Amino acid sequence: MKGSQWNKFCWHVLPFLGLIIWGVLAVNNGLWYDEAYSAALVRQDLADLIETTSRDVHSPFYYVLLKGFYHLCGGGTNYWSLKVFSLIFAFGYLLVGKYWIKRLYDEKTSIYFMAFSVLMPVMMYHATNARMYFCGIFFFTVTALLALELCRDGKNGSPVHWALFAIFSICSVYCHTYQMIETLVLYSF
């Protein structure tokens, strides 16, 4: 295969390769300690979930989203659905890298983004956990890419981009404490 054909092949295949690799690792009913905490929270009624998480270091935003998805998948002891929720955000993250980074930079940069994301052990680990990390990574990545577009456009950025930047920033901040810190650093730039 020539270089450009290889790039095209990788560009088309990498998101699905990530979905397959992460999916195989995610679809099981085993839970570790923090995942069991998430599973216990989503089984509570909504008022109790919000009250419990309001006293935690994590905001209720992720857990409310997770609870909704968990119940859409049947609830009960279907804990694989909690992991699939993270997998959905992981796949969305790869698609953002595939299309948006290609649009902002080029196809080769997009391929590097996806390849490093798929192959990094920490990404494999978090893509398969019933935790908020990939939800936060997804929202923060979109926020950062919107910020980049707004910086390139200057003060003449479209009102839609500004609105989306605000919405995704809020989602990023309310996913996890680390994303809140990252978003604060992004805002300082």
N, C-alpha and C. Protein backbone atom coordinates (compact mmCIF):
# COMPACT_ATOMS: atom_id res chain seq x y z
N MET A 1 0.84 -1.18 0.00
CA MET A 1 0.00 0.00 0.00
C MET A 1 0.88 1.24 0.00
N LYS A 2 0.54 2.19 -0.80
CA LYS A 2 1.26 3.46 -0.81
C LYS A 2 0.91 4.25 0.45
N GLY A 3 1.72 5.26 0.74
CA GLY A 3 1.52 6.07 1.94
C GLY A 3 0.14 6.70 2.02
N SER A 4 -0.33 7.27 0.93
CA SER A 4 -1.63 7.94 0.96
C SER A 4 -2.77 6.93 1.10
N GLN A 5 -2.59 5.73 0.50
CA GLN A 5 -3.61 4.69 0.66
C GLN A 5 -3.63 4.19 2.10
N TRP A 6 -2.46 4.04 2.70
CA TRP A 6 -2.36 3.61 4.08
C TRP A 6 -3.02 4.64 5.01
N ASN A 7 -2.76 5.91 4.75
CA ASN A 7 -3.39 6.96 5.56
C ASN A 7 -4.92 6.89 5.45
N LYS A 8 -5.43 6.74 4.24
CA LYS A 8 -6.88 6.64 4.04
C LYS A 8 -7.44 5.43 4.79
N PHE A 9 -6.74 4.29 4.67
CA PHE A 9 -7.17 3.08 5.36
C PHE A 9 -7.22 3.31 6.87
N CYS A 10 -6.14 3.86 7.43
CA CYS A 10 -6.10 4.12 8.87
C CYS A 10 -7.18 5.11 9.29
N TRP A 11 -7.36 6.14 8.48
CA TRP A 11 -8.36 7.17 8.82
C TRP A 11 -9.76 6.55 8.91
N HIS A 12 -10.05 5.62 8.03
CA HIS A 12 -11.37 4.99 8.04
C HIS A 12 -11.51 3.91 9.11
N VAL A 13 -10.44 3.21 9.42
CA VAL A 13 -10.52 2.03 10.27
C VAL A 13 -10.31 2.32 11.76
N LEU A 14 -9.45 3.28 12.11
CA LEU A 14 -9.06 3.49 13.51
C LEU A 14 -10.23 3.68 14.49
N PRO A 15 -11.25 4.48 14.19
CA PRO A 15 -12.34 4.61 15.17
C PRO A 15 -13.03 3.27 15.44
N PHE A 16 -13.19 2.48 14.42
CA PHE A 16 -13.86 1.19 14.59
C PHE A 16 -12.96 0.17 15.26
N LEU A 17 -11.66 0.27 15.01
CA LEU A 17 -10.70 -0.57 15.71
C LEU A 17 -10.74 -0.25 17.21
N GLY A 18 -10.77 1.04 17.53
CA GLY A 18 -10.89 1.44 18.93
C GLY A 18 -12.17 0.92 19.56
N LEU A 19 -13.27 1.04 18.83
CA LEU A 19 -14.56 0.55 19.33
C LEU A 19 -14.50 -0.96 19.58
N ILE A 20 -13.87 -1.70 18.69
CA ILE A 20 -13.77 -3.15 18.86
C ILE A 20 -12.87 -3.50 20.04
N ILE A 21 -11.68 -2.91 20.10
CA ILE A 21 -10.75 -3.21 21.19
C ILE A 21 -11.37 -2.83 22.53
N TRP A 22 -11.86 -1.61 22.63
CA TRP A 22 -12.44 -1.16 23.88
C TRP A 22 -13.73 -1.91 24.20
N GLY A 23 -14.51 -2.23 23.16
CA GLY A 23 -15.76 -2.94 23.37
C GLY A 23 -15.55 -4.32 23.95
N VAL A 24 -14.55 -5.04 23.44
CA VAL A 24 -14.25 -6.37 23.96
C VAL A 24 -13.87 -6.28 25.44
N LEU A 25 -13.13 -5.25 25.79
CA LEU A 25 -12.71 -5.08 27.18
C LEU A 25 -13.84 -4.58 28.08
N ALA A 26 -14.82 -3.90 27.51
CA ALA A 26 -15.86 -3.26 28.31
C ALA A 26 -17.06 -4.16 28.60
N VAL A 27 -17.42 -5.01 27.68
CA VAL A 27 -18.68 -5.74 27.81
C VAL A 27 -18.50 -6.95 28.72
N ASN A 28 -18.59 -6.67 30.00
CA ASN A 28 -18.61 -7.72 31.01
C ASN A 28 -19.38 -7.18 32.21
N ASN A 29 -19.73 -8.04 33.11
CA ASN A 29 -20.53 -7.62 34.26
C ASN A 29 -19.70 -7.45 35.52
N GLY A 30 -18.37 -7.55 35.42
CA GLY A 30 -17.52 -7.37 36.58
C GLY A 30 -17.34 -5.89 36.91
N LEU A 31 -17.34 -5.58 38.19
CA LEU A 31 -17.17 -4.19 38.64
C LEU A 31 -16.06 -4.13 39.67
N TRP A 32 -15.25 -3.10 39.61
CA TRP A 32 -14.30 -2.84 40.68
C TRP A 32 -14.89 -1.78 41.61
N TYR A 33 -14.20 -1.40 42.65
CA TYR A 33 -14.76 -0.59 43.74
C TYR A 33 -15.46 0.68 43.27
N ASP A 34 -14.79 1.54 42.51
CA ASP A 34 -15.40 2.79 42.08
C ASP A 34 -16.57 2.57 41.13
N GLU A 35 -16.46 1.52 40.30
CA GLU A 35 -17.57 1.21 39.41
C GLU A 35 -18.78 0.73 40.21
N ALA A 36 -18.53 -0.01 41.27
CA ALA A 36 -19.63 -0.46 42.13
C ALA A 36 -20.33 0.74 42.78
N TYR A 37 -19.55 1.77 43.10
CA TYR A 37 -20.13 3.00 43.63
C TYR A 37 -21.07 3.64 42.60
N SER A 38 -20.62 3.69 41.34
CA SER A 38 -21.47 4.23 40.27
C SER A 38 -22.72 3.38 40.11
N ALA A 39 -22.57 2.05 40.15
CA ALA A 39 -23.72 1.15 40.01
C ALA A 39 -24.71 1.34 41.15
N ALA A 40 -24.20 1.53 42.36
CA ALA A 40 -25.09 1.75 43.50
C ALA A 40 -25.83 3.08 43.37
N LEU A 41 -25.14 4.10 42.88
CA LEU A 41 -25.78 5.41 42.72
C LEU A 41 -26.91 5.39 41.70
N VAL A 42 -26.70 4.74 40.57
CA VAL A 42 -27.72 4.76 39.53
C VAL A 42 -28.94 3.92 39.89
N ARG A 43 -28.81 3.08 40.89
CA ARG A 43 -29.96 2.29 41.34
C ARG A 43 -30.82 3.06 42.35
N GLN A 44 -30.32 4.17 42.85
CA GLN A 44 -31.10 5.01 43.76
C GLN A 44 -32.11 5.82 42.96
N ASP A 45 -33.15 6.32 43.66
CA ASP A 45 -34.05 7.22 42.93
C ASP A 45 -33.33 8.55 42.70
N LEU A 46 -33.84 9.34 41.78
CA LEU A 46 -33.14 10.54 41.31
C LEU A 46 -32.85 11.52 42.44
N ALA A 47 -33.80 11.74 43.33
CA ALA A 47 -33.59 12.69 44.43
C ALA A 47 -32.45 12.24 45.34
N ASP A 48 -32.41 10.95 45.67
CA ASP A 48 -31.33 10.43 46.51
C ASP A 48 -29.99 10.49 45.80
N LEU A 49 -29.99 10.22 44.49
CA LEU A 49 -28.76 10.29 43.71
C LEU A 49 -28.20 11.71 43.75
N ILE A 50 -29.04 12.69 43.54
CA ILE A 50 -28.59 14.08 43.54
C ILE A 50 -28.11 14.49 44.92
N GLU A 51 -28.83 14.08 45.95
CA GLU A 51 -28.42 14.42 47.32
C GLU A 51 -27.07 13.79 47.66
N THR A 52 -26.89 12.52 47.32
CA THR A 52 -25.64 11.82 47.60
C THR A 52 -24.47 12.45 46.85
N THR A 53 -24.64 12.69 45.56
CA THR A 53 -23.53 13.22 44.77
C THR A 53 -23.26 14.70 45.06
N SER A 54 -24.22 15.41 45.59
CA SER A 54 -23.97 16.81 45.93
C SER A 54 -23.00 16.93 47.10
N ARG A 55 -22.84 15.85 47.87
CA ARG A 55 -21.88 15.84 48.98
C ARG A 55 -20.57 15.16 48.59
N ASP A 56 -20.47 14.76 47.32
CA ASP A 56 -19.29 14.07 46.81
C ASP A 56 -18.42 15.07 46.05
N VAL A 57 -17.24 14.63 45.63
CA VAL A 57 -16.37 15.52 44.85
C VAL A 57 -16.80 15.58 43.39
N HIS A 58 -17.69 14.69 42.97
CA HIS A 58 -18.18 14.68 41.59
C HIS A 58 -19.60 15.24 41.56
N SER A 59 -19.88 15.97 40.50
CA SER A 59 -21.21 16.56 40.39
C SER A 59 -22.22 15.49 39.96
N PRO A 60 -23.51 15.76 40.18
CA PRO A 60 -24.54 14.79 39.78
C PRO A 60 -24.73 14.67 38.27
N PHE A 61 -24.19 15.58 37.47
CA PHE A 61 -24.45 15.61 36.03
C PHE A 61 -24.18 14.26 35.37
N TYR A 62 -22.98 13.73 35.57
CA TYR A 62 -22.62 12.45 34.95
C TYR A 62 -23.55 11.34 35.44
N TYR A 63 -23.80 11.30 36.72
CA TYR A 63 -24.59 10.21 37.28
C TYR A 63 -26.04 10.26 36.81
N VAL A 64 -26.58 11.44 36.60
CA VAL A 64 -27.94 11.55 36.06
C VAL A 64 -27.97 11.02 34.63
N LEU A 65 -26.96 11.39 33.81
CA LEU A 65 -26.87 10.85 32.45
C LEU A 65 -26.71 9.33 32.48
N LEU A 66 -25.85 8.84 33.35
CA LEU A 66 -25.60 7.40 33.47
C LEU A 66 -26.86 6.67 33.91
N LYS A 67 -27.57 7.23 34.85
CA LYS A 67 -28.82 6.62 35.34
C LYS A 67 -29.83 6.49 34.21
N GLY A 68 -29.97 7.53 33.41
CA GLY A 68 -30.89 7.47 32.28
C GLY A 68 -30.52 6.37 31.31
N PHE A 69 -29.24 6.27 30.97
CA PHE A 69 -28.79 5.24 30.03
C PHE A 69 -28.95 3.85 30.62
N TYR A 70 -28.62 3.71 31.89
CA TYR A 70 -28.74 2.42 32.60
C TYR A 70 -30.19 1.92 32.55
N HIS A 71 -31.12 2.80 32.77
CA HIS A 71 -32.53 2.40 32.75
C HIS A 71 -33.03 2.15 31.33
N LEU A 72 -32.48 2.87 30.34
CA LEU A 72 -32.82 2.58 28.95
C LEU A 72 -32.38 1.17 28.54
N CYS A 73 -31.29 0.71 29.16
CA CYS A 73 -30.76 -0.64 28.85
C CYS A 73 -31.37 -1.73 29.72
N GLY A 74 -32.36 -1.39 30.51
CA GLY A 74 -33.05 -2.41 31.28
C GLY A 74 -32.79 -2.41 32.77
N GLY A 75 -31.80 -1.64 33.23
CA GLY A 75 -31.53 -1.58 34.67
C GLY A 75 -31.14 -2.94 35.23
N GLY A 76 -31.61 -3.22 36.43
CA GLY A 76 -31.33 -4.51 37.07
C GLY A 76 -29.85 -4.74 37.28
N THR A 77 -29.41 -5.93 36.93
CA THR A 77 -27.99 -6.27 37.09
C THR A 77 -27.24 -6.20 35.76
N ASN A 78 -27.75 -5.41 34.83
CA ASN A 78 -27.07 -5.21 33.55
C ASN A 78 -25.98 -4.16 33.69
N TYR A 79 -24.95 -4.48 34.45
CA TYR A 79 -23.90 -3.50 34.70
C TYR A 79 -23.02 -3.28 33.49
N TRP A 80 -23.07 -4.15 32.51
CA TRP A 80 -22.33 -3.93 31.27
C TRP A 80 -22.78 -2.62 30.62
N SER A 81 -24.07 -2.24 30.84
CA SER A 81 -24.58 -1.00 30.24
C SER A 81 -23.86 0.22 30.79
N LEU A 82 -23.40 0.14 32.04
CA LEU A 82 -22.65 1.26 32.63
C LEU A 82 -21.32 1.44 31.89
N LYS A 83 -20.71 0.33 31.51
CA LYS A 83 -19.44 0.39 30.80
C LYS A 83 -19.66 0.81 29.34
N VAL A 84 -20.75 0.38 28.75
CA VAL A 84 -21.06 0.76 27.38
C VAL A 84 -21.30 2.27 27.30
N PHE A 85 -21.82 2.87 28.36
CA PHE A 85 -22.02 4.32 28.39
C PHE A 85 -20.68 5.03 28.21
N SER A 86 -19.63 4.56 28.89
CA SER A 86 -18.29 5.14 28.70
C SER A 86 -17.80 4.88 27.30
N LEU A 87 -18.09 3.71 26.78
CA LEU A 87 -17.65 3.33 25.43
C LEU A 87 -18.27 4.24 24.38
N ILE A 88 -19.51 4.66 24.58
CA ILE A 88 -20.16 5.58 23.64
C ILE A 88 -19.41 6.90 23.58
N PHE A 89 -19.04 7.44 24.75
CA PHE A 89 -18.28 8.69 24.77
C PHE A 89 -16.88 8.49 24.20
N ALA A 90 -16.27 7.32 24.43
CA ALA A 90 -14.95 7.04 23.87
C ALA A 90 -15.01 7.01 22.34
N PHE A 91 -16.04 6.38 21.80
CA PHE A 91 -16.20 6.33 20.35
C PHE A 91 -16.48 7.73 19.80
N GLY A 92 -17.32 8.50 20.51
CA GLY A 92 -17.58 9.88 20.11
C GLY A 92 -16.31 10.71 20.10
N TYR A 93 -15.46 10.49 21.08
CA TYR A 93 -14.16 11.18 21.16
C TYR A 93 -13.31 10.85 19.93
N LEU A 94 -13.30 9.58 19.52
CA LEU A 94 -12.54 9.21 18.33
C LEU A 94 -13.12 9.83 17.07
N LEU A 95 -14.44 9.90 16.99
CA LEU A 95 -15.07 10.52 15.82
C LEU A 95 -14.79 12.02 15.77
N VAL A 96 -14.76 12.66 16.94
CA VAL A 96 -14.39 14.08 16.99
C VAL A 96 -12.97 14.24 16.46
N GLY A 97 -12.07 13.35 16.90
CA GLY A 97 -10.70 13.40 16.39
C GLY A 97 -10.61 13.12 14.91
N LYS A 98 -11.43 12.20 14.45
CA LYS A 98 -11.39 11.82 13.04
C LYS A 98 -11.81 12.98 12.14
N TYR A 99 -12.95 13.56 12.42
CA TYR A 99 -13.50 14.57 11.52
C TYR A 99 -13.06 15.99 11.86
N TRP A 100 -13.13 16.37 13.12
CA TRP A 100 -12.87 17.76 13.49
C TRP A 100 -11.40 18.11 13.39
N ILE A 101 -10.55 17.20 13.87
CA ILE A 101 -9.12 17.48 13.79
C ILE A 101 -8.65 17.46 12.34
N LYS A 102 -9.25 16.60 11.52
CA LYS A 102 -8.92 16.62 10.09
C LYS A 102 -9.30 17.97 9.49
N ARG A 103 -10.47 18.49 9.88
CA ARG A 103 -10.92 19.77 9.34
C ARG A 103 -10.01 20.92 9.80
N LEU A 104 -9.59 20.88 11.06
CA LEU A 104 -8.76 21.96 11.59
C LEU A 104 -7.30 21.85 11.16
N TYR A 105 -6.81 20.64 11.01
CA TYR A 105 -5.41 20.44 10.66
C TYR A 105 -5.29 19.68 9.35
N ASP A 106 -5.20 18.38 9.44
CA ASP A 106 -5.14 17.54 8.23
C ASP A 106 -5.41 16.09 8.63
N GLU A 107 -5.45 15.25 7.61
CA GLU A 107 -5.77 13.83 7.83
C GLU A 107 -4.70 13.12 8.65
N LYS A 108 -3.45 13.45 8.41
CA LYS A 108 -2.34 12.79 9.12
C LYS A 108 -2.40 13.09 10.62
N THR A 109 -2.67 14.33 10.98
CA THR A 109 -2.81 14.69 12.39
C THR A 109 -3.98 13.96 13.01
N SER A 110 -5.06 13.84 12.28
CA SER A 110 -6.23 13.10 12.75
C SER A 110 -5.89 11.63 13.00
N ILE A 111 -5.11 11.06 12.11
CA ILE A 111 -4.70 9.65 12.27
C ILE A 111 -3.84 9.48 13.51
N TYR A 112 -2.88 10.38 13.71
CA TYR A 112 -2.05 10.32 14.92
C TYR A 112 -2.90 10.45 16.18
N PHE A 113 -3.84 11.38 16.18
CA PHE A 113 -4.74 11.56 17.32
C PHE A 113 -5.47 10.26 17.63
N MET A 114 -6.06 9.65 16.62
CA MET A 114 -6.82 8.42 16.84
C MET A 114 -5.92 7.26 17.24
N ALA A 115 -4.77 7.12 16.58
CA ALA A 115 -3.86 6.00 16.88
C ALA A 115 -3.36 6.08 18.31
N PHE A 116 -2.90 7.24 18.74
CA PHE A 116 -2.43 7.38 20.11
C PHE A 116 -3.56 7.17 21.11
N SER A 117 -4.75 7.64 20.77
CA SER A 117 -5.89 7.45 21.67
C SER A 117 -6.26 5.98 21.81
N VAL A 118 -6.27 5.26 20.71
CA VAL A 118 -6.66 3.84 20.74
C VAL A 118 -5.61 3.01 21.46
N LEU A 119 -4.33 3.33 21.28
CA LEU A 119 -3.27 2.47 21.78
C LEU A 119 -2.76 2.81 23.17
N MET A 120 -3.09 3.98 23.70
CA MET A 120 -2.60 4.33 25.03
C MET A 120 -3.31 3.49 26.09
N PRO A 121 -2.56 2.80 26.95
CA PRO A 121 -3.18 1.94 27.97
C PRO A 121 -4.17 2.67 28.87
N VAL A 122 -3.87 3.92 29.22
CA VAL A 122 -4.78 4.65 30.11
C VAL A 122 -6.12 4.90 29.42
N MET A 123 -6.10 5.11 28.10
CA MET A 123 -7.34 5.31 27.37
C MET A 123 -8.12 4.00 27.31
N MET A 124 -7.44 2.88 27.09
CA MET A 124 -8.11 1.58 27.09
C MET A 124 -8.78 1.33 28.44
N TYR A 125 -8.08 1.68 29.47
CA TYR A 125 -8.58 1.47 30.83
C TYR A 125 -9.83 2.31 31.09
N HIS A 126 -9.77 3.59 30.78
CA HIS A 126 -10.90 4.48 31.07
C HIS A 126 -12.07 4.29 30.10
N ALA A 127 -11.80 3.85 28.89
CA ALA A 127 -12.89 3.62 27.94
C ALA A 127 -13.75 2.45 28.36
N THR A 128 -13.23 1.60 29.22
CA THR A 128 -13.96 0.40 29.61
C THR A 128 -14.48 0.44 31.04
N ASN A 129 -14.31 1.55 31.71
CA ASN A 129 -14.78 1.67 33.10
C ASN A 129 -16.12 2.38 33.19
N ALA A 130 -16.89 1.99 34.16
CA ALA A 130 -18.16 2.66 34.43
C ALA A 130 -17.89 3.89 35.31
N ARG A 131 -17.15 4.81 34.76
CA ARG A 131 -16.79 6.04 35.47
C ARG A 131 -16.93 7.20 34.49
N MET A 132 -16.74 8.41 34.99
CA MET A 132 -17.04 9.62 34.22
C MET A 132 -15.88 10.14 33.37
N TYR A 133 -14.79 9.44 33.34
CA TYR A 133 -13.59 9.99 32.71
C TYR A 133 -13.75 10.24 31.22
N PHE A 134 -14.28 9.27 30.48
CA PHE A 134 -14.40 9.50 29.04
C PHE A 134 -15.51 10.47 28.70
N CYS A 135 -16.53 10.52 29.53
CA CYS A 135 -17.56 11.54 29.34
C CYS A 135 -16.90 12.92 29.45
N GLY A 136 -16.08 13.10 30.47
CA GLY A 136 -15.37 14.35 30.65
C GLY A 136 -14.37 14.64 29.55
N ILE A 137 -13.63 13.61 29.12
CA ILE A 137 -12.65 13.80 28.05
C ILE A 137 -13.35 14.23 26.77
N PHE A 138 -14.49 13.60 26.47
CA PHE A 138 -15.24 13.96 25.28
C PHE A 138 -15.67 15.43 25.32
N PHE A 139 -16.31 15.84 26.42
CA PHE A 139 -16.80 17.22 26.52
C PHE A 139 -15.65 18.22 26.52
N PHE A 140 -14.52 17.88 27.20
CA PHE A 140 -13.40 18.80 27.22
C PHE A 140 -12.75 18.92 25.84
N THR A 141 -12.63 17.82 25.13
CA THR A 141 -12.02 17.86 23.79
C THR A 141 -12.84 18.73 22.85
N VAL A 142 -14.16 18.57 22.90
CA VAL A 142 -15.02 19.41 22.06
C VAL A 142 -14.88 20.88 22.47
N THR A 143 -14.83 21.14 23.77
CA THR A 143 -14.64 22.51 24.26
C THR A 143 -13.33 23.09 23.75
N ALA A 144 -12.25 22.31 23.84
CA ALA A 144 -10.94 22.79 23.40
C ALA A 144 -10.93 23.06 21.89
N LEU A 145 -11.55 22.19 21.12
CA LEU A 145 -11.58 22.39 19.67
C LEU A 145 -12.44 23.59 19.29
N LEU A 146 -13.53 23.80 20.02
CA LEU A 146 -14.34 25.01 19.79
C LEU A 146 -13.54 26.26 20.16
N ALA A 147 -12.78 26.19 21.26
CA ALA A 147 -11.94 27.33 21.65
C ALA A 147 -10.91 27.63 20.58
N LEU A 148 -10.33 26.58 20.01
CA LEU A 148 -9.36 26.78 18.94
C LEU A 148 -10.00 27.46 17.74
N GLU A 149 -11.18 27.00 17.36
CA GLU A 149 -11.88 27.64 16.24
C GLU A 149 -12.20 29.10 16.54
N LEU A 150 -12.64 29.38 17.77
CA LEU A 150 -12.96 30.76 18.14
C LEU A 150 -11.72 31.63 18.15
N CYS A 151 -10.58 31.08 18.57
CA CYS A 151 -9.33 31.85 18.54
C CYS A 151 -8.91 32.15 17.10
N ARG A 152 -9.10 31.19 16.23
CA ARG A 152 -8.76 31.41 14.82
C ARG A 152 -9.67 32.45 14.18
N ASP A 153 -10.95 32.46 14.60
CA ASP A 153 -11.91 33.42 14.04
C ASP A 153 -11.82 34.79 14.69
N GLY A 154 -11.16 34.86 15.84
CA GLY A 154 -11.10 36.12 16.57
C GLY A 154 -12.44 36.44 17.20
N LYS A 155 -12.70 37.69 17.43
CA LYS A 155 -13.96 38.11 18.06
C LYS A 155 -15.14 37.99 17.12
N ASN A 156 -14.87 37.64 15.88
CA ASN A 156 -15.94 37.51 14.90
C ASN A 156 -16.50 36.09 14.82
N GLY A 157 -16.22 35.27 15.82
CA GLY A 157 -16.73 33.90 15.82
C GLY A 157 -18.24 33.89 15.79
N SER A 158 -18.78 32.84 15.21
CA SER A 158 -20.23 32.76 15.05
C SER A 158 -20.91 32.61 16.42
N PRO A 159 -22.10 33.18 16.57
CA PRO A 159 -22.84 33.04 17.83
C PRO A 159 -23.13 31.58 18.16
N VAL A 160 -23.28 30.75 17.14
CA VAL A 160 -23.52 29.31 17.37
C VAL A 160 -22.29 28.68 18.01
N HIS A 161 -21.09 29.03 17.50
CA HIS A 161 -19.86 28.50 18.10
C HIS A 161 -19.71 28.96 19.55
N TRP A 162 -20.04 30.22 19.82
CA TRP A 162 -19.95 30.72 21.19
C TRP A 162 -20.94 30.00 22.10
N ALA A 163 -22.14 29.77 21.61
CA ALA A 163 -23.16 29.05 22.41
C ALA A 163 -22.72 27.61 22.66
N LEU A 164 -22.23 26.96 21.62
CA LEU A 164 -21.75 25.58 21.79
C LEU A 164 -20.56 25.52 22.74
N PHE A 165 -19.67 26.51 22.62
CA PHE A 165 -18.52 26.58 23.52
C PHE A 165 -18.99 26.67 24.97
N ALA A 166 -19.98 27.51 25.22
CA ALA A 166 -20.51 27.65 26.58
C ALA A 166 -21.16 26.36 27.07
N ILE A 167 -21.96 25.73 26.22
CA ILE A 167 -22.66 24.50 26.61
C ILE A 167 -21.67 23.37 26.89
N PHE A 168 -20.72 23.16 25.97
CA PHE A 168 -19.76 22.08 26.18
C PHE A 168 -18.81 22.38 27.34
N SER A 169 -18.51 23.65 27.58
CA SER A 169 -17.70 24.02 28.75
C SER A 169 -18.41 23.64 30.04
N ILE A 170 -19.68 23.93 30.11
CA ILE A 170 -20.46 23.59 31.30
C ILE A 170 -20.51 22.08 31.49
N CYS A 171 -20.75 21.36 30.40
CA CYS A 171 -20.76 19.89 30.48
C CYS A 171 -19.40 19.36 30.93
N SER A 172 -18.33 19.94 30.43
CA SER A 172 -16.98 19.52 30.82
C SER A 172 -16.74 19.77 32.30
N VAL A 173 -17.09 20.94 32.76
CA VAL A 173 -16.87 21.32 34.16
C VAL A 173 -17.66 20.42 35.11
N TYR A 174 -18.85 20.03 34.71
CA TYR A 174 -19.71 19.26 35.61
C TYR A 174 -19.55 17.75 35.47
N CYS A 175 -18.59 17.28 34.67
CA CYS A 175 -18.33 15.83 34.58
C CYS A 175 -17.41 15.35 35.69
N HIS A 176 -16.33 16.08 35.91
CA HIS A 176 -15.32 15.63 36.85
C HIS A 176 -14.48 16.82 37.29
N THR A 177 -13.91 16.71 38.47
CA THR A 177 -13.09 17.77 39.03
C THR A 177 -11.88 18.07 38.13
N TYR A 178 -11.27 17.02 37.56
CA TYR A 178 -10.11 17.24 36.69
C TYR A 178 -10.50 18.03 35.44
N GLN A 179 -11.66 17.73 34.88
CA GLN A 179 -12.10 18.48 33.71
C GLN A 179 -12.41 19.93 34.08
N MET A 180 -12.87 20.14 35.30
CA MET A 180 -13.11 21.51 35.75
C MET A 180 -11.79 22.29 35.78
N ILE A 181 -10.73 21.65 36.29
CA ILE A 181 -9.42 22.31 36.35
C ILE A 181 -8.90 22.54 34.93
N GLU A 182 -9.03 21.53 34.05
CA GLU A 182 -8.56 21.68 32.67
C GLU A 182 -9.31 22.78 31.95
N THR A 183 -10.61 22.86 32.18
CA THR A 183 -11.41 23.90 31.53
C THR A 183 -11.01 25.28 32.05
N LEU A 184 -10.73 25.37 33.33
CA LEU A 184 -10.26 26.64 33.91
C LEU A 184 -8.93 27.05 33.26
N VAL A 185 -8.02 26.11 33.08
CA VAL A 185 -6.75 26.40 32.41
C VAL A 185 -6.99 26.82 30.97
N LEU A 186 -7.90 26.13 30.28
CA LEU A 186 -8.25 26.50 28.89
C LEU A 186 -8.79 27.92 28.84
N TYR A 187 -9.65 28.27 29.79
CA TYR A 187 -10.20 29.63 29.84
C TYR A 187 -9.11 30.66 30.08
N SER A 188 -8.07 30.30 30.83
CA SER A 188 -7.00 31.27 31.12
C SER A 188 -6.20 31.59 29.85
N PHE A 189 -6.19 30.69 28.88
CA PHE A 189 -5.52 30.98 27.61
C PHE A 189 -6.33 31.96 26.80
